[in-house]
Amino acid sequence: GGRATLRHGSSTCLPPARKDRDMRRLVLAAAIATGLAGTLAIGGAAPVSAQDSQLLAVGEMAPDFALPGATRYGALEDPIRLSDYRGETVVLAFFFRVRTRG
C-alpha cells in the first residue's frame, strides 16, 4: 500500500502544532539572547568591587541605587532611587526591549 514513511529526526515527522511550538521557542530563545547581548553592549558591564559582590543576608537592608525609570508613556526624566521607596514593598521587573515600542 500507499503508506508514507517518516524518518526519525526529520522535521517532517513533527505534527504542524509541534513545529509551530518549537519555532516559537527558538524565536523566544533568540530574542532573549539578543536582549541580553544588547543590554550588555549598550550599558556595558559596570566594574564590580569586592564590596559590591557580597550577598545580603535575608532581612538586611539593601544599599541605595538608582536606575532609569519608564512608564507606558516612555522614559522618565529623573532616575528612580530605591531610597525613595523606603518602608514600602519594592518589586523589580525587567522586560525585554522587544516587548516595548521603544
PDB file of N, CA and C in Angstrom:
ATOM      1  N   GLY A   1       0.624  -1.175   0.000  1.00  0.00           N
ATOM      2  CA  GLY A   1       0.000   0.000   0.000  1.00  0.00           C
ATOM      3  C   GLY A   1       0.693   1.306   0.000  1.00  0.00           C
ATOM      4  N   GLY A   2      -0.100   2.313   0.074  1.00  0.00           N
ATOM      5  CA  GLY A   2       0.360   3.690  -0.031  1.00  0.00           C
ATOM      6  C   GLY A   2       0.711   4.316   1.301  1.00  0.00           C
ATOM      7  N   ARG A   3       1.515   3.645   2.124  1.00  0.00           N
ATOM      8  CA  ARG A   3       1.914   4.205   3.420  1.00  0.00           C
ATOM      9  C   ARG A   3       3.089   5.161   3.257  1.00  0.00           C
ATOM     10  N   ALA A   4       3.034   6.257   3.984  1.00  0.00           N
ATOM     11  CA  ALA A   4       4.154   7.210   3.975  1.00  0.00           C
ATOM     12  C   ALA A   4       5.138   6.803   5.057  1.00  0.00           C
ATOM     13  N   THR A   5       6.410   6.888   4.750  1.00  0.00           N
ATOM     14  CA  THR A   5       7.437   6.558   5.730  1.00  0.00           C
ATOM     15  C   THR A   5       8.028   7.850   6.279  1.00  0.00           C
ATOM     16  N   LEU A   6       8.006   7.979   7.604  1.00  0.00           N
ATOM     17  CA  LEU A   6       8.587   9.149   8.254  1.00  0.00           C
ATOM     18  C   LEU A   6       9.860   8.731   8.954  1.00  0.00           C
ATOM     19  N   ARG A   7      10.922   9.433   8.685  1.00  0.00           N
ATOM     20  CA  ARG A   7      12.202   9.119   9.305  1.00  0.00           C
ATOM     21  C   ARG A   7      12.320   9.818  10.649  1.00  0.00           C
ATOM     22  N   HIS A   8      12.882   9.121  11.624  1.00  0.00           N
ATOM     23  CA  HIS A   8      13.128   9.700  12.945  1.00  0.00           C
ATOM     24  C   HIS A   8      14.154  10.817  12.812  1.00  0.00           C
ATOM     25  N   GLY A   9      13.922  11.936  13.479  1.00  0.00           N
ATOM     26  CA  GLY A   9      14.849  13.060  13.428  1.00  0.00           C
ATOM     27  C   GLY A   9      14.549  14.020  12.293  1.00  0.00           C
ATOM     28  N   SER A  10      13.663  13.647  11.420  1.00  0.00           N
ATOM     29  CA  SER A  10      13.290  14.526  10.322  1.00  0.00           C
ATOM     30  C   SER A  10      12.213  15.481  10.802  1.00  0.00           C
ATOM     31  N   SER A  11      12.292  16.732  10.396  1.00  0.00           N
ATOM     32  CA  SER A  11      11.277  17.696  10.814  1.00  0.00           C
ATOM     33  C   SER A  11       9.922  17.364  10.202  1.00  0.00           C
ATOM     34  N   THR A  12       9.910  16.526   9.162  1.00  0.00           N
ATOM     35  CA  THR A  12       8.639  16.171   8.543  1.00  0.00           C
ATOM     36  C   THR A  12       7.822  15.243   9.418  1.00  0.00           C
ATOM     37  N   CYS A  13       8.445  14.621  10.443  1.00  0.00           N
ATOM     38  CA  CYS A  13       7.673  13.713  11.283  1.00  0.00           C
ATOM     39  C   CYS A  13       6.999  14.448  12.441  1.00  0.00           C
ATOM     40  N   LEU A  14       7.235  15.751  12.571  1.00  0.00           N
ATOM     41  CA  LEU A  14       6.595  16.512  13.636  1.00  0.00           C
ATOM     42  C   LEU A  14       5.240  17.009  13.161  1.00  0.00           C
ATOM     43  N   PRO A  15       4.232  16.919  14.012  1.00  0.00           N
ATOM     44  CA  PRO A  15       2.939  17.486  13.632  1.00  0.00           C
ATOM     45  C   PRO A  15       3.064  19.004  13.513  1.00  0.00           C
ATOM     46  N   PRO A  16       2.215  19.645  12.698  1.00  0.00           N
ATOM     47  CA  PRO A  16       2.310  21.094  12.488  1.00  0.00           C
ATOM     48  C   PRO A  16       2.274  21.900  13.787  1.00  0.00           C
ATOM     49  N   ALA A  17       1.450  21.516  14.752  1.00  0.00           N
ATOM     50  CA  ALA A  17       1.361  22.259  16.013  1.00  0.00           C
ATOM     51  C   ALA A  17       2.695  22.217  16.756  1.00  0.00           C
ATOM     52  N   ARG A  18       3.362  21.086  16.725  1.00  0.00           N
ATOM     53  CA  ARG A  18       4.647  20.967  17.420  1.00  0.00           C
ATOM     54  C   ARG A  18       5.723  21.781  16.708  1.00  0.00           C
ATOM     55  N   LYS A  19       5.689  21.785  15.375  1.00  0.00           N
ATOM     56  CA  LYS A  19       6.639  22.603  14.619  1.00  0.00           C
ATOM     57  C   LYS A  19       6.488  24.070  15.012  1.00  0.00           C
ATOM     58  N   ASP A  20       5.230  24.536  15.101  1.00  0.00           N
ATOM     59  CA  ASP A  20       4.969  25.927  15.475  1.00  0.00           C
ATOM     60  C   ASP A  20       5.479  26.219  16.877  1.00  0.00           C
ATOM     61  N   ARG A  21       5.236  25.307  17.813  1.00  0.00           N
ATOM     62  CA  ARG A  21       5.677  25.497  19.198  1.00  0.00           C
ATOM     63  C   ARG A  21       7.200  25.527  19.268  1.00  0.00           C
ATOM     64  N   ASP A  22       7.851  24.608  18.544  1.00  0.00           N
ATOM     65  CA  ASP A  22       9.311  24.588  18.534  1.00  0.00           C
ATOM     66  C   ASP A  22       9.872  25.863  17.908  1.00  0.00           C
ATOM     67  N   MET A  23       9.221  26.366  16.869  1.00  0.00           N
ATOM     68  CA  MET A  23       9.676  27.600  16.227  1.00  0.00           C
ATOM     69  C   MET A  23       9.507  28.779  17.179  1.00  0.00           C
ATOM     70  N   ARG A  24       8.388  28.828  17.915  1.00  0.00           N
ATOM     71  CA  ARG A  24       8.181  29.909  18.890  1.00  0.00           C
ATOM     72  C   ARG A  24       9.251  29.867  19.968  1.00  0.00           C
ATOM     73  N   ARG A  25       9.598  28.669  20.423  1.00  0.00           N
ATOM     74  CA  ARG A  25      10.653  28.537  21.433  1.00  0.00           C
ATOM     75  C   ARG A  25      11.988  29.024  20.891  1.00  0.00           C
ATOM     76  N   LEU A  26      12.282  28.694  19.656  1.00  0.00           N
ATOM     77  CA  LEU A  26      13.529  29.129  19.036  1.00  0.00           C
ATOM     78  C   LEU A  26      13.565  30.652  18.910  1.00  0.00           C
ATOM     79  N   VAL A  27      12.458  31.243  18.475  1.00  0.00           N
ATOM     80  CA  VAL A  27      12.386  32.700  18.344  1.00  0.00           C
ATOM     81  C   VAL A  27      12.512  33.359  19.713  1.00  0.00           C
ATOM     82  N   LEU A  28      11.855  32.800  20.734  1.00  0.00           N
ATOM     83  CA  LEU A  28      11.946  33.342  22.087  1.00  0.00           C
ATOM     84  C   LEU A  28      13.376  33.262  22.607  1.00  0.00           C
ATOM     85  N   ALA A  29      14.038  32.135  22.397  1.00  0.00           N
ATOM     86  CA  ALA A  29      15.425  31.986  22.844  1.00  0.00           C
ATOM     87  C   ALA A  29      16.328  32.993  22.134  1.00  0.00           C
ATOM     88  N   ALA A  30      16.099  33.200  20.845  1.00  0.00           N
ATOM     89  CA  ALA A  30      16.896  34.181  20.100  1.00  0.00           C
ATOM     90  C   ALA A  30      16.637  35.594  20.617  1.00  0.00           C
ATOM     91  N   ALA A  31      15.371  35.903  20.937  1.00  0.00           N
ATOM     92  CA  ALA A  31      15.042  37.230  21.467  1.00  0.00           C
ATOM     93  C   ALA A  31      15.694  37.454  22.823  1.00  0.00           C
ATOM     94  N   ILE A  32      15.692  36.435  23.666  1.00  0.00           N
ATOM     95  CA  ILE A  32      16.328  36.551  24.981  1.00  0.00           C
ATOM     96  C   ILE A  32      17.820  36.785  24.816  1.00  0.00           C
ATOM     97  N   ALA A  33      18.449  36.000  23.964  1.00  0.00           N
ATOM     98  CA  ALA A  33      19.891  36.154  23.742  1.00  0.00           C
ATOM     99  C   ALA A  33      20.213  37.531  23.174  1.00  0.00           C
ATOM    100  N   THR A  34      19.401  38.000  22.236  1.00  0.00           N
ATOM    101  CA  THR A  34      19.615  39.319  21.650  1.00  0.00           C
ATOM    102  C   THR A  34      19.416  40.416  22.685  1.00  0.00           C
ATOM    103  N   GLY A  35      18.383  40.275  23.515  1.00  0.00           N
ATOM    104  CA  GLY A  35      18.132  41.266  24.563  1.00  0.00           C
ATOM    105  C   GLY A  35      19.265  41.342  25.561  1.00  0.00           C
ATOM    106  N   LEU A  36      19.766  40.194  25.981  1.00  0.00           N
ATOM    107  CA  LEU A  36      20.883  40.182  26.927  1.00  0.00           C
ATOM    108  C   LEU A  36      22.138  40.765  26.298  1.00  0.00           C
ATOM    109  N   ALA A  37      22.410  40.395  25.061  1.00  0.00           N
ATOM    110  CA  ALA A  37      23.593  40.924  24.382  1.00  0.00           C
ATOM    111  C   ALA A  37      23.468  42.432  24.188  1.00  0.00           C
ATOM    112  N   GLY A  38      22.279  42.897  23.831  1.00  0.00           N
ATOM    113  CA  GLY A  38      22.059  44.334  23.650  1.00  0.00           C
ATOM    114  C   GLY A  38      22.199  45.101  24.944  1.00  0.00           C
ATOM    115  N   THR A  39      21.696  44.537  26.023  1.00  0.00           N
ATOM    116  CA  THR A  39      21.817  45.186  27.328  1.00  0.00           C
ATOM    117  C   THR A  39      23.274  45.338  27.715  1.00  0.00           C
ATOM    118  N   LEU A  40      24.050  44.304  27.515  1.00  0.00           N
ATOM    119  CA  LEU A  40      25.471  44.374  27.848  1.00  0.00           C
ATOM    120  C   LEU A  40      26.210  45.335  26.920  1.00  0.00           C
ATOM    121  N   ALA A  41      25.834  45.353  25.649  1.00  0.00           N
ATOM    122  CA  ALA A  41      26.522  46.226  24.698  1.00  0.00           C
ATOM    123  C   ALA A  41      26.201  47.694  24.951  1.00  0.00           C
ATOM    124  N   ILE A  42      24.947  47.997  25.268  1.00  0.00           N
ATOM    125  CA  ILE A  42      24.541  49.387  25.481  1.00  0.00           C
ATOM    126  C   ILE A  42      25.018  49.887  26.835  1.00  0.00           C
ATOM    127  N   GLY A  43      24.698  49.149  27.876  1.00  0.00           N
ATOM    128  CA  GLY A  43      25.038  49.593  29.217  1.00  0.00           C
ATOM    129  C   GLY A  43      26.450  49.247  29.605  1.00  0.00           C
ATOM    130  N   GLY A  44      26.990  48.231  28.988  1.00  0.00           N
ATOM    131  CA  GLY A  44      28.318  47.774  29.373  1.00  0.00           C
ATOM    132  C   GLY A  44      28.277  47.176  30.761  1.00  0.00           C
ATOM    133  N   ALA A  45      29.213  46.345  31.036  1.00  0.00           N
ATOM    134  CA  ALA A  45      29.282  45.741  32.359  1.00  0.00           C
ATOM    135  C   ALA A  45      30.013  46.703  33.283  1.00  0.00           C
ATOM    136  N   ALA A  46      29.332  47.119  34.342  1.00  0.00           N
ATOM    137  CA  ALA A  46      29.946  48.030  35.304  1.00  0.00           C
ATOM    138  C   ALA A  46      30.982  47.272  36.122  1.00  0.00           C
ATOM    139  N   PRO A  47      32.101  47.913  36.442  1.00  0.00           N
ATOM    140  CA  PRO A  47      33.094  47.244  37.276  1.00  0.00           C
ATOM    141  C   PRO A  47      32.509  46.940  38.651  1.00  0.00           C
ATOM    142  N   VAL A  48      32.810  45.777  39.153  1.00  0.00           N
ATOM    143  CA  VAL A  48      32.277  45.342  40.440  1.00  0.00           C
ATOM    144  C   VAL A  48      33.419  45.279  41.440  1.00  0.00           C
ATOM    145  N   SER A  49      33.230  45.966  42.553  1.00  0.00           N
ATOM    146  CA  SER A  49      34.249  45.905  43.603  1.00  0.00           C
ATOM    147  C   SER A  49      33.954  44.722  44.509  1.00  0.00           C
ATOM    148  N   ALA A  50      34.902  44.369  45.348  1.00  0.00           N
ATOM    149  CA  ALA A  50      34.709  43.253  46.278  1.00  0.00           C
ATOM    150  C   ALA A  50      33.528  43.531  47.198  1.00  0.00           C
ATOM    151  N   GLN A  51      33.340  44.784  47.579  1.00  0.00           N
ATOM    152  CA  GLN A  51      32.232  45.134  48.469  1.00  0.00           C
ATOM    153  C   GLN A  51      30.892  44.936  47.765  1.00  0.00           C
ATOM    154  N   ASP A  52      30.814  45.291  46.475  1.00  0.00           N
ATOM    155  CA  ASP A  52      29.571  45.164  45.727  1.00  0.00           C
ATOM    156  C   ASP A  52      29.169  43.715  45.493  1.00  0.00           C
ATOM    157  N   SER A  53      30.128  42.813  45.459  1.00  0.00           N
ATOM    158  CA  SER A  53      29.824  41.440  45.093  1.00  0.00           C
ATOM    159  C   SER A  53      29.352  40.586  46.266  1.00  0.00           C
ATOM    160  N   GLN A  54      29.304  41.135  47.471  1.00  0.00           N
ATOM    161  CA  GLN A  54      28.861  40.356  48.623  1.00  0.00           C
ATOM    162  C   GLN A  54      27.337  40.298  48.654  1.00  0.00           C
ATOM    163  N   LEU A  55      26.814  39.138  48.978  1.00  0.00           N
ATOM    164  CA  LEU A  55      25.370  38.957  49.049  1.00  0.00           C
ATOM    165  C   LEU A  55      24.837  39.516  50.353  1.00  0.00           C
ATOM    166  N   LEU A  56      23.592  39.953  50.320  1.00  0.00           N
ATOM    167  CA  LEU A  56      22.931  40.438  51.525  1.00  0.00           C
ATOM    168  C   LEU A  56      22.262  39.279  52.236  1.00  0.00           C
ATOM    169  N   ALA A  57      22.222  39.356  53.541  1.00  0.00           N
ATOM    170  CA  ALA A  57      21.503  38.356  54.326  1.00  0.00           C
ATOM    171  C   ALA A  57      20.011  38.651  54.230  1.00  0.00           C
ATOM    172  N   VAL A  58      19.195  37.628  54.390  1.00  0.00           N
ATOM    173  CA  VAL A  58      17.746  37.799  54.366  1.00  0.00           C
ATOM    174  C   VAL A  58      17.358  38.784  55.458  1.00  0.00           C
ATOM    175  N   GLY A  59      16.553  39.781  55.106  1.00  0.00           N
ATOM    176  CA  GLY A  59      16.102  40.782  56.062  1.00  0.00           C
ATOM    177  C   GLY A  59      17.026  41.979  56.182  1.00  0.00           C
ATOM    178  N   GLU A  60      18.217  41.904  55.588  1.00  0.00           N
ATOM    179  CA  GLU A  60      19.161  43.020  55.642  1.00  0.00           C
ATOM    180  C   GLU A  60      18.732  44.095  54.642  1.00  0.00           C
ATOM    181  N   MET A  61      18.934  45.370  55.009  1.00  0.00           N
ATOM    182  CA  MET A  61      18.538  46.469  54.142  1.00  0.00           C
ATOM    183  C   MET A  61      19.444  46.519  52.908  1.00  0.00           C
ATOM    184  N   ALA A  62      18.824  46.651  51.759  1.00  0.00           N
ATOM    185  CA  ALA A  62      19.574  46.738  50.503  1.00  0.00           C
ATOM    186  C   ALA A  62      20.210  48.114  50.385  1.00  0.00           C
ATOM    187  N   PRO A  63      21.379  48.202  49.766  1.00  0.00           N
ATOM    188  CA  PRO A  63      22.002  49.515  49.568  1.00  0.00           C
ATOM    189  C   PRO A  63      21.199  50.334  48.556  1.00  0.00           C
ATOM    190  N   ASP A  64      21.274  51.644  48.684  1.00  0.00           N
ATOM    191  CA  ASP A  64      20.559  52.523  47.764  1.00  0.00           C
ATOM    192  C   ASP A  64      21.179  52.426  46.372  1.00  0.00           C
ATOM    193  N   PHE A  65      20.344  52.500  45.357  1.00  0.00           N
ATOM    194  CA  PHE A  65      20.813  52.548  43.975  1.00  0.00           C
ATOM    195  C   PHE A  65      19.801  53.321  43.158  1.00  0.00           C
ATOM    196  N   ALA A  66      20.208  53.758  41.990  1.00  0.00           N
ATOM    197  CA  ALA A  66      19.327  54.491  41.083  1.00  0.00           C
ATOM    198  C   ALA A  66      19.331  53.803  39.727  1.00  0.00           C
ATOM    199  N   LEU A  67      18.167  53.785  39.100  1.00  0.00           N
ATOM    200  CA  LEU A  67      18.010  53.199  37.767  1.00  0.00           C
ATOM    201  C   LEU A  67      17.162  54.127  36.914  1.00  0.00           C
ATOM    202  N   PRO A  68      17.372  54.119  35.601  1.00  0.00           N
ATOM    203  CA  PRO A  68      16.469  54.885  34.747  1.00  0.00           C
ATOM    204  C   PRO A  68      15.086  54.251  34.810  1.00  0.00           C
ATOM    205  N   GLY A  69      14.071  55.064  34.911  1.00  0.00           N
ATOM    206  CA  GLY A  69      12.707  54.552  35.014  1.00  0.00           C
ATOM    207  C   GLY A  69      11.923  54.795  33.741  1.00  0.00           C
ATOM    208  N   ALA A  70      10.853  54.055  33.593  1.00  0.00           N
ATOM    209  CA  ALA A  70       9.987  54.215  32.432  1.00  0.00           C
ATOM    210  C   ALA A  70       8.569  53.849  32.822  1.00  0.00           C
ATOM    211  N   THR A  71       7.635  54.465  32.152  1.00  0.00           N
ATOM    212  CA  THR A  71       6.227  54.112  32.285  1.00  0.00           C
ATOM    213  C   THR A  71       5.747  53.674  30.911  1.00  0.00           C
ATOM    214  N   ARG A  72       4.484  53.399  30.800  1.00  0.00           N
ATOM    215  CA  ARG A  72       3.972  53.005  29.485  1.00  0.00           C
ATOM    216  C   ARG A  72       4.003  54.165  28.493  1.00  0.00           C
ATOM    217  N   TYR A  73       4.232  55.387  29.004  1.00  0.00           N
ATOM    218  CA  TYR A  73       4.297  56.567  28.140  1.00  0.00           C
ATOM    219  C   TYR A  73       5.716  56.903  27.701  1.00  0.00           C
ATOM    220  N   GLY A  74       6.704  56.222  28.259  1.00  0.00           N
ATOM    221  CA  GLY A  74       8.084  56.466  27.864  1.00  0.00           C
ATOM    222  C   GLY A  74       9.020  56.581  29.051  1.00  0.00           C
ATOM    223  N   ALA A  75      10.261  56.961  28.760  1.00  0.00           N
ATOM    224  CA  ALA A  75      11.300  57.057  29.787  1.00  0.00           C
ATOM    225  C   ALA A  75      11.044  58.257  30.696  1.00  0.00           C
ATOM    226  N   LEU A  76      11.385  58.095  31.964  1.00  0.00           N
ATOM    227  CA  LEU A  76      11.264  59.184  32.929  1.00  0.00           C
ATOM    228  C   LEU A  76      12.503  60.068  32.855  1.00  0.00           C
ATOM    229  N   GLU A  77      12.327  61.345  33.140  1.00  0.00           N
ATOM    230  CA  GLU A  77      13.448  62.283  33.104  1.00  0.00           C
ATOM    231  C   GLU A  77      14.457  61.994  34.208  1.00  0.00           C
ATOM    232  N   ASP A  78      13.967  61.801  35.422  1.00  0.00           N
ATOM    233  CA  ASP A  78      14.840  61.576  36.573  1.00  0.00           C
ATOM    234  C   ASP A  78      14.922  60.089  36.884  1.00  0.00           C
ATOM    235  N   PRO A  79      16.085  59.635  37.357  1.00  0.00           N
ATOM    236  CA  PRO A  79      16.201  58.224  37.737  1.00  0.00           C
ATOM    237  C   PRO A  79      15.363  57.915  38.976  1.00  0.00           C
ATOM    238  N   ILE A  80      15.038  56.662  39.129  1.00  0.00           N
ATOM    239  CA  ILE A  80      14.297  56.200  40.307  1.00  0.00           C
ATOM    240  C   ILE A  80      15.311  55.662  41.302  1.00  0.00           C
ATOM    241  N   ARG A  81      15.205  56.098  42.554  1.00  0.00           N
ATOM    242  CA  ARG A  81      16.121  55.655  43.609  1.00  0.00           C
ATOM    243  C   ARG A  81      15.384  54.716  44.554  1.00  0.00           C
ATOM    244  N   LEU A  82      16.072  53.692  44.989  1.00  0.00           N
ATOM    245  CA  LEU A  82      15.483  52.761  45.942  1.00  0.00           C
ATOM    246  C   LEU A  82      15.093  53.485  47.226  1.00  0.00           C
ATOM    247  N   SER A  83      15.892  54.452  47.650  1.00  0.00           N
ATOM    248  CA  SER A  83      15.621  55.171  48.901  1.00  0.00           C
ATOM    249  C   SER A  83      14.308  55.954  48.847  1.00  0.00           C
ATOM    250  N   ASP A  84      13.800  56.262  47.654  1.00  0.00           N
ATOM    251  CA  ASP A  84      12.513  56.954  47.528  1.00  0.00           C
ATOM    252  C   ASP A  84      11.361  56.083  48.017  1.00  0.00           C
ATOM    253  N   TYR A  85      11.589  54.796  48.123  1.00  0.00           N
ATOM    254  CA  TYR A  85      10.530  53.854  48.490  1.00  0.00           C
ATOM    255  C   TYR A  85      10.802  53.174  49.826  1.00  0.00           C
ATOM    256  N   ARG A  86      11.626  53.791  50.662  1.00  0.00           N
ATOM    257  CA  ARG A  86      11.953  53.211  51.971  1.00  0.00           C
ATOM    258  C   ARG A  86      10.664  52.952  52.750  1.00  0.00           C
ATOM    259  N   GLY A  87      10.566  51.769  53.329  1.00  0.00           N
ATOM    260  CA  GLY A  87       9.396  51.379  54.110  1.00  0.00           C
ATOM    261  C   GLY A  87       8.280  50.764  53.284  1.00  0.00           C
ATOM    262  N   GLU A  88       8.435  50.726  51.967  1.00  0.00           N
ATOM    263  CA  GLU A  88       7.422  50.147  51.091  1.00  0.00           C
ATOM    264  C   GLU A  88       7.969  48.881  50.441  1.00  0.00           C
ATOM    265  N   THR A  89       7.068  48.049  49.961  1.00  0.00           N
ATOM    266  CA  THR A  89       7.478  46.856  49.226  1.00  0.00           C
ATOM    267  C   THR A  89       7.877  47.273  47.817  1.00  0.00           C
ATOM    268  N   VAL A  90       9.026  46.807  47.361  1.00  0.00           N
ATOM    269  CA  VAL A  90       9.528  47.149  46.030  1.00  0.00           C
ATOM    270  C   VAL A  90       9.693  45.865  45.229  1.00  0.00           C
ATOM    271  N   VAL A  91       9.151  45.855  44.025  1.00  0.00           N
ATOM    272  CA  VAL A  91       9.303  44.727  43.105  1.00  0.00           C
ATOM    273  C   VAL A  91      10.016  45.249  41.866  1.00  0.00           C
ATOM    274  N   LEU A  92      11.118  44.620  41.505  1.00  0.00           N
ATOM    275  CA  LEU A  92      11.837  44.993  40.289  1.00  0.00           C
ATOM    276  C   LEU A  92      11.407  44.064  39.169  1.00  0.00           C
ATOM    277  N   ALA A  93      10.974  44.633  38.051  1.00  0.00           N
ATOM    278  CA  ALA A  93      10.554  43.837  36.896  1.00  0.00           C
ATOM    279  C   ALA A  93      11.389  44.262  35.700  1.00  0.00           C
ATOM    280  N   PHE A  94      11.992  43.304  35.028  1.00  0.00           N
ATOM    281  CA  PHE A  94      12.827  43.577  33.872  1.00  0.00           C
ATOM    282  C   PHE A  94      12.132  43.032  32.636  1.00  0.00           C
ATOM    283  N   PHE A  95      12.020  43.854  31.600  1.00  0.00           N
ATOM    284  CA  PHE A  95      11.357  43.454  30.371  1.00  0.00           C
ATOM    285  C   PHE A  95      12.321  43.602  29.203  1.00  0.00           C
ATOM    286  N   PHE A  96      12.166  42.724  28.236  1.00  0.00           N
ATOM    287  CA  PHE A  96      12.969  42.799  27.025  1.00  0.00           C
ATOM    288  C   PHE A  96      12.516  43.986  26.205  1.00  0.00           C
ATOM    289  N   ARG A  97      13.442  44.623  25.563  1.00  0.00           N
ATOM    290  CA  ARG A  97      13.125  45.776  24.735  1.00  0.00           C
ATOM    291  C   ARG A  97      12.173  45.389  23.592  1.00  0.00           C
ATOM    292  N   VAL A  98      12.245  44.176  23.120  1.00  0.00           N
ATOM    293  CA  VAL A  98      11.390  43.760  22.009  1.00  0.00           C
ATOM    294  C   VAL A  98       9.922  43.726  22.396  1.00  0.00           C
ATOM    295  N   ARG A  99       9.625  43.769  23.700  1.00  0.00           N
ATOM    296  CA  ARG A  99       8.231  43.754  24.141  1.00  0.00           C
ATOM    297  C   ARG A  99       7.671  45.161  24.291  1.00  0.00           C
ATOM    298  N   THR A 100       8.458  46.180  23.982  1.00  0.00           N
ATOM    299  CA  THR A 100       8.001  47.554  24.125  1.00  0.00           C
ATOM    300  C   THR A 100       8.055  48.252  22.777  1.00  0.00           C
ATOM    301  N   ARG A 101       7.463  49.416  22.718  1.00  0.00           N
ATOM    302  CA  ARG A 101       7.501  50.194  21.484  1.00  0.00           C
ATOM    303  C   ARG A 101       8.819  50.938  21.344  1.00  0.00           C
ATOM    304  N   GLY A 102       9.583  51.081  22.436  1.00  0.00           N
ATOM    305  CA  GLY A 102      10.816  51.882  22.403  1.00  0.00           C
ATOM    306  C   GLY A 102      11.956  51.077  22.155  1.00  0.00           C
TER     307      GLY A 102
END
